[in-house]
PDB file of N, CA and C in Angstrom:
ATOM      1  N   UNK A   1     -47.136   2.378  66.467  1.00  0.00           N
ATOM      2  CA  UNK A   1     -46.770   1.043  66.924  1.00  0.00           C
ATOM      3  C   UNK A   1     -45.621   0.509  66.089  1.00  0.00           C
ATOM      4  N   UNK A   2     -44.728  -0.148  66.739  1.00  0.00           N
ATOM      5  CA  UNK A   2     -43.616  -0.763  66.026  1.00  0.00           C
ATOM      6  C   UNK A   2     -43.852  -2.262  65.943  1.00  0.00           C
ATOM      7  N   UNK A   3     -43.815  -2.779  64.732  1.00  0.00           N
ATOM      8  CA  UNK A   3     -44.077  -4.199  64.480  1.00  0.00           C
ATOM      9  C   UNK A   3     -42.799  -4.853  63.973  1.00  0.00           C
ATOM     10  N   UNK A   4     -42.598  -6.093  64.376  1.00  0.00           N
ATOM     11  CA  UNK A   4     -41.448  -6.857  63.891  1.00  0.00           C
ATOM     12  C   UNK A   4     -41.756  -7.317  62.464  1.00  0.00           C
ATOM     13  N   UNK A   5     -41.315  -6.544  61.479  1.00  0.00           N
ATOM     14  CA  UNK A   5     -41.639  -6.821  60.080  1.00  0.00           C
ATOM     15  C   UNK A   5     -41.178  -8.196  59.605  1.00  0.00           C
ATOM     16  N   UNK A   6     -40.140  -8.710  60.191  1.00  0.00           N
ATOM     17  CA  UNK A   6     -39.608  -9.994  59.746  1.00  0.00           C
ATOM     18  C   UNK A   6     -40.412 -11.179  60.269  1.00  0.00           C
ATOM     19  N   UNK A   7     -41.349 -10.948  61.218  1.00  0.00           N
ATOM     20  CA  UNK A   7     -42.119 -12.038  61.804  1.00  0.00           C
ATOM     21  C   UNK A   7     -43.608 -11.981  61.476  1.00  0.00           C
ATOM     22  N   UNK A   8     -44.013 -11.171  60.504  1.00  0.00           N
ATOM     23  CA  UNK A   8     -45.424 -11.057  60.125  1.00  0.00           C
ATOM     24  C   UNK A   8     -45.842 -12.307  59.350  1.00  0.00           C
ATOM     25  N   UNK A   9     -47.007 -12.876  59.715  1.00  0.00           N
ATOM     26  CA  UNK A   9     -47.511 -14.043  58.997  1.00  0.00           C
ATOM     27  C   UNK A   9     -48.987 -13.837  58.667  1.00  0.00           C
ATOM     28  N   UNK A  10     -49.467 -14.557  57.658  1.00  0.00           N
ATOM     29  CA  UNK A  10     -50.874 -14.496  57.270  1.00  0.00           C
ATOM     30  C   UNK A  10     -51.348 -15.902  56.932  1.00  0.00           C
ATOM     31  N   UNK A  11     -52.556 -16.235  57.386  1.00  0.00           N
ATOM     32  CA  UNK A  11     -53.179 -17.521  57.078  1.00  0.00           C
ATOM     33  C   UNK A  11     -54.588 -17.259  56.561  1.00  0.00           C
ATOM     34  N   UNK A  12     -55.022 -18.021  55.564  1.00  0.00           N
ATOM     35  CA  UNK A  12     -56.371 -17.896  55.021  1.00  0.00           C
ATOM     36  C   UNK A  12     -57.032 -19.261  55.076  1.00  0.00           C
ATOM     37  N   UNK A  13     -58.155 -19.346  55.816  1.00  0.00           N
ATOM     38  CA  UNK A  13     -58.831 -20.619  55.981  1.00  0.00           C
ATOM     39  C   UNK A  13     -60.326 -20.374  56.144  1.00  0.00           C
ATOM     40  N   UNK A  14     -61.143 -21.054  55.381  1.00  0.00           N
ATOM     41  CA  UNK A  14     -62.605 -20.949  55.472  1.00  0.00           C
ATOM     42  C   UNK A  14     -63.108 -19.513  55.328  1.00  0.00           C
ATOM     43  N   UNK A  15     -62.503 -18.760  54.443  1.00  0.00           N
ATOM     44  CA  UNK A  15     -62.938 -17.384  54.208  1.00  0.00           C
ATOM     45  C   UNK A  15     -62.481 -16.392  55.262  1.00  0.00           C
ATOM     46  N   UNK A  16     -61.592 -16.805  56.163  1.00  0.00           N
ATOM     47  CA  UNK A  16     -61.101 -15.915  57.218  1.00  0.00           C
ATOM     48  C   UNK A  16     -59.605 -15.688  57.019  1.00  0.00           C
ATOM     49  N   UNK A  17     -59.230 -14.416  56.933  1.00  0.00           N
ATOM     50  CA  UNK A  17     -57.828 -14.051  56.832  1.00  0.00           C
ATOM     51  C   UNK A  17     -57.330 -13.689  58.221  1.00  0.00           C
ATOM     52  N   UNK A  18     -56.328 -14.397  58.695  1.00  0.00           N
ATOM     53  CA  UNK A  18     -55.766 -14.174  60.019  1.00  0.00           C
ATOM     54  C   UNK A  18     -54.358 -13.628  59.872  1.00  0.00           C
ATOM     55  N   UNK A  19     -54.167 -12.380  60.288  1.00  0.00           N
ATOM     56  CA  UNK A  19     -52.845 -11.757  60.220  1.00  0.00           C
ATOM     57  C   UNK A  19     -52.223 -11.755  61.607  1.00  0.00           C
ATOM     58  N   UNK A  20     -50.970 -12.139  61.686  1.00  0.00           N
ATOM     59  CA  UNK A  20     -50.232 -12.074  62.939  1.00  0.00           C
ATOM     60  C   UNK A  20     -49.153 -11.014  62.782  1.00  0.00           C
ATOM     61  N   UNK A  21     -49.271  -9.943  63.583  1.00  0.00           N
ATOM     62  CA  UNK A  21     -48.341  -8.822  63.515  1.00  0.00           C
ATOM     63  C   UNK A  21     -47.672  -8.673  64.886  1.00  0.00           C
ATOM     64  N   UNK A  22     -46.578  -9.359  65.098  1.00  0.00           N
ATOM     65  CA  UNK A  22     -45.943  -9.311  66.421  1.00  0.00           C
ATOM     66  C   UNK A  22     -45.346  -7.933  66.705  1.00  0.00           C
ATOM     67  N   UNK A  23     -45.610  -7.422  67.911  1.00  0.00           N
ATOM     68  CA  UNK A  23     -45.078  -6.134  68.316  1.00  0.00           C
ATOM     69  C   UNK A  23     -43.632  -6.272  68.755  1.00  0.00           C
ATOM     70  N   UNK A  24     -42.893  -5.188  68.580  1.00  0.00           N
ATOM     71  CA  UNK A  24     -41.536  -5.180  69.091  1.00  0.00           C
ATOM     72  C   UNK A  24     -41.598  -5.188  70.614  1.00  0.00           C
ATOM     73  N   UNK A  25     -40.532  -5.531  71.259  1.00  0.00           N
ATOM     74  CA  UNK A  25     -40.508  -5.678  72.720  1.00  0.00           C
ATOM     75  C   UNK A  25     -40.966  -4.403  73.428  1.00  0.00           C
ATOM     76  N   UNK A  26     -40.604  -3.229  72.928  1.00  0.00           N
ATOM     77  CA  UNK A  26     -40.956  -1.988  73.617  1.00  0.00           C
ATOM     78  C   UNK A  26     -42.430  -1.626  73.471  1.00  0.00           C
ATOM     79  N   UNK A  27     -43.150  -2.248  72.541  1.00  0.00           N
ATOM     80  CA  UNK A  27     -44.554  -1.940  72.320  1.00  0.00           C
ATOM     81  C   UNK A  27     -45.506  -2.902  73.030  1.00  0.00           C
ATOM     82  N   UNK A  28     -45.032  -3.982  73.601  1.00  0.00           N
ATOM     83  CA  UNK A  28     -45.893  -5.026  74.135  1.00  0.00           C
ATOM     84  C   UNK A  28     -46.762  -4.580  75.305  1.00  0.00           C
ATOM     85  N   UNK A  29     -46.388  -3.547  76.026  1.00  0.00           N
ATOM     86  CA  UNK A  29     -47.161  -3.121  77.186  1.00  0.00           C
ATOM     87  C   UNK A  29     -48.237  -2.089  76.848  1.00  0.00           C
ATOM     88  N   UNK A  30     -48.378  -1.726  75.594  1.00  0.00           N
ATOM     89  CA  UNK A  30     -49.391  -0.759  75.194  1.00  0.00           C
ATOM     90  C   UNK A  30     -50.703  -1.463  74.869  1.00  0.00           C
ATOM     91  N   UNK A  31     -51.817  -0.754  75.088  1.00  0.00           N
ATOM     92  CA  UNK A  31     -53.140  -1.298  74.802  1.00  0.00           C
ATOM     93  C   UNK A  31     -53.693  -0.574  73.583  1.00  0.00           C
ATOM     94  N   UNK A  32     -54.235  -1.353  72.650  1.00  0.00           N
ATOM     95  CA  UNK A  32     -54.821  -0.780  71.440  1.00  0.00           C
ATOM     96  C   UNK A  32     -56.281  -1.197  71.389  1.00  0.00           C
ATOM     97  N   UNK A  33     -57.185  -0.223  71.236  1.00  0.00           N
ATOM     98  CA  UNK A  33     -58.619  -0.513  71.163  1.00  0.00           C
ATOM     99  C   UNK A  33     -59.029  -0.592  69.692  1.00  0.00           C
ATOM    100  N   UNK A  34     -59.722  -1.664  69.319  1.00  0.00           N
ATOM    101  CA  UNK A  34     -60.190  -1.860  67.964  1.00  0.00           C
ATOM    102  C   UNK A  34     -61.708  -1.917  67.980  1.00  0.00           C
ATOM    103  N   UNK A  35     -62.346  -1.072  67.183  1.00  0.00           N
ATOM    104  CA  UNK A  35     -63.800  -1.041  67.110  1.00  0.00           C
ATOM    105  C   UNK A  35     -64.263  -1.947  65.994  1.00  0.00           C
ATOM    106  N   UNK A  36     -64.980  -3.022  66.329  1.00  0.00           N
ATOM    107  CA  UNK A  36     -65.478  -3.968  65.339  1.00  0.00           C
ATOM    108  C   UNK A  36     -66.980  -3.816  65.107  1.00  0.00           C
ATOM    109  N   UNK A  37     -67.561  -2.717  65.585  1.00  0.00           N
ATOM    110  CA  UNK A  37     -68.993  -2.489  65.423  1.00  0.00           C
ATOM    111  C   UNK A  37     -69.360  -2.185  63.983  1.00  0.00           C
ATOM    112  N   UNK A  38     -70.645  -2.344  63.684  1.00  0.00           N
ATOM    113  CA  UNK A  38     -71.118  -2.097  62.327  1.00  0.00           C
ATOM    114  C   UNK A  38     -71.278  -0.605  62.101  1.00  0.00           C
ATOM    115  N   UNK A  39     -70.992  -0.167  60.878  1.00  0.00           N
ATOM    116  CA  UNK A  39     -71.183   1.232  60.524  1.00  0.00           C
ATOM    117  C   UNK A  39     -72.667   1.502  60.311  1.00  0.00           C
ATOM    118  N   UNK A  40     -73.134   2.671  60.741  1.00  0.00           N
ATOM    119  CA  UNK A  40     -74.535   3.013  60.539  1.00  0.00           C
ATOM    120  C   UNK A  40     -74.738   3.596  59.165  1.00  0.00           C
ATOM    121  N   UNK A  41     -75.878   3.262  58.543  1.00  0.00           N
ATOM    122  CA  UNK A  41     -76.138   3.715  57.185  1.00  0.00           C
ATOM    123  C   UNK A  41     -76.897   5.029  57.171  1.00  0.00           C
TER     124      UNK A  41
END
């Protein structure tokens, strides 16, 4: 994935870190799956 490095921002509020990583124009039509499930012990 290509990210616009000059437009990356981060905010921290109430224990939550929010990162904004804007994609370059050619990457905007791609779908990325993120697994937020818990790891099994």
